[in-house]
Amino acid sequence: MMSKKVITHKKHRSQFSCDVMKRESKVMVDMVGEQCMKEKLVYLPIHDGFLTLPSQYDRICEIVTECFQMETGSTPKIKRK
């Protein structure tokens, strides 16, 4: 999606970048964080990823996927490290 965005001026690039970061934050911090708190899961969002307990990893991946799909209509690719 981002690669198709026409950027004609530095100001537009900055605004677009900020909008993308705000949207990611809404998903990873607000939406996922809220659901993890409800389920009492250990979840710490970190730039482009998150930390959790190994036993909770699969459930948190489900939550992240659900939230991204609700917000963007797309499915994230999550890699475990």
Protein backbone atom coordinates (compact mmCIF):
# COMPACT_ATOMS: atom_id res chain seq x y z
CA MET A 1 0.00 0.00 0.00
CA MET A 2 2.72 2.47 0.95
CA SER A 3 4.72 1.89 -2.24
CA LYS A 4 1.72 3.03 -4.31
CA LYS A 5 1.36 6.32 -2.44
CA VAL A 6 2.32 9.26 -4.64
CA ILE A 7 4.58 11.65 -2.73
CA THR A 8 5.04 15.01 -4.38
CA HIS A 9 6.56 17.06 -1.59
CA LYS A 10 8.63 16.47 1.55
CA LYS A 11 5.76 17.79 3.70
CA HIS A 12 3.40 15.14 2.29
CA ARG A 13 5.97 12.42 2.93
CA SER A 14 6.24 13.47 6.55
CA GLN A 15 2.46 13.58 7.03
CA PHE A 16 1.99 10.20 5.38
CA SER A 17 4.73 8.66 7.52
CA CYS A 18 3.15 10.07 10.66
CA ASP A 19 -0.26 8.74 9.65
CA VAL A 20 1.18 5.24 9.11
CA MET A 21 2.95 5.32 12.49
CA LYS A 22 -0.22 6.50 14.25
CA ARG A 23 -2.23 3.72 12.64
CA GLU A 24 0.34 1.09 13.61
CA SER A 25 0.36 2.47 17.15
CA LYS A 26 -3.44 2.31 17.30
CA VAL A 27 -3.31 -1.38 16.42
CA MET A 28 -0.23 -2.54 18.34
CA VAL A 29 -0.63 -0.41 21.47
CA ASP A 30 -4.31 0.39 21.80
CA MET A 31 -6.18 -2.52 20.22
CA VAL A 32 -3.78 -5.40 20.91
CA GLY A 33 -2.75 -4.01 24.29
CA GLU A 34 -6.34 -3.67 25.44
CA GLN A 35 -7.19 -7.25 24.44
CA CYS A 36 -4.05 -8.60 26.10
CA MET A 37 -4.91 -6.78 29.32
CA LYS A 38 -8.43 -8.25 29.24
CA GLU A 39 -6.96 -11.74 28.86
CA LYS A 40 -4.16 -11.04 31.39
CA LEU A 41 -1.43 -11.79 28.82
CA VAL A 42 2.14 -10.53 29.04
CA TYR A 43 2.57 -8.19 26.07
CA LEU A 44 5.18 -5.50 25.50
CA PRO A 45 5.06 -3.75 22.11
CA ILE A 46 8.47 -2.74 20.79
CA HIS A 47 9.28 -0.99 17.53
CA ASP A 48 8.13 -3.38 14.76
CA GLY A 49 7.48 -6.22 17.19
CA PHE A 50 6.57 -7.36 20.67
CA LEU A 51 7.81 -9.42 23.61
CA THR A 52 5.76 -12.02 25.44
CA LEU A 53 6.06 -15.32 27.24
CA PRO A 54 6.66 -18.36 25.00
CA SER A 55 3.47 -19.99 26.32
CA GLN A 56 1.40 -16.95 25.26
CA TYR A 57 3.01 -16.32 21.87
CA ASP A 58 0.42 -18.13 19.74
CA ARG A 59 -2.54 -16.36 21.36
CA ILE A 60 -0.92 -12.96 21.02
CA CYS A 61 -0.20 -13.63 17.34
CA GLU A 62 -3.91 -14.40 16.92
CA ILE A 63 -4.84 -11.12 18.61
CA VAL A 64 -2.35 -9.11 16.51
CA THR A 65 -3.70 -10.71 13.33
CA GLU A 66 -7.33 -10.08 14.30
CA CYS A 67 -6.65 -6.44 15.16
CA PHE A 68 -4.68 -5.75 11.97
CA GLN A 69 -7.43 -7.33 9.90
CA MET A 70 -10.08 -5.22 11.63
CA GLU A 71 -8.12 -1.99 11.15
CA THR A 72 -6.54 -2.51 7.72
CA GLY A 73 -8.18 -5.50 6.05
CA SER A 74 -4.76 -7.11 5.63
CA THR A 75 -3.00 -9.96 7.42
CA PRO A 76 0.43 -9.30 8.95
CA LYS A 77 3.34 -11.69 8.55
CA ILE A 78 4.68 -12.39 12.01
CA LYS A 79 8.14 -13.94 12.44
CA ARG A 80 9.23 -15.44 15.73
CA LYS A 81 12.78 -14.63 16.84
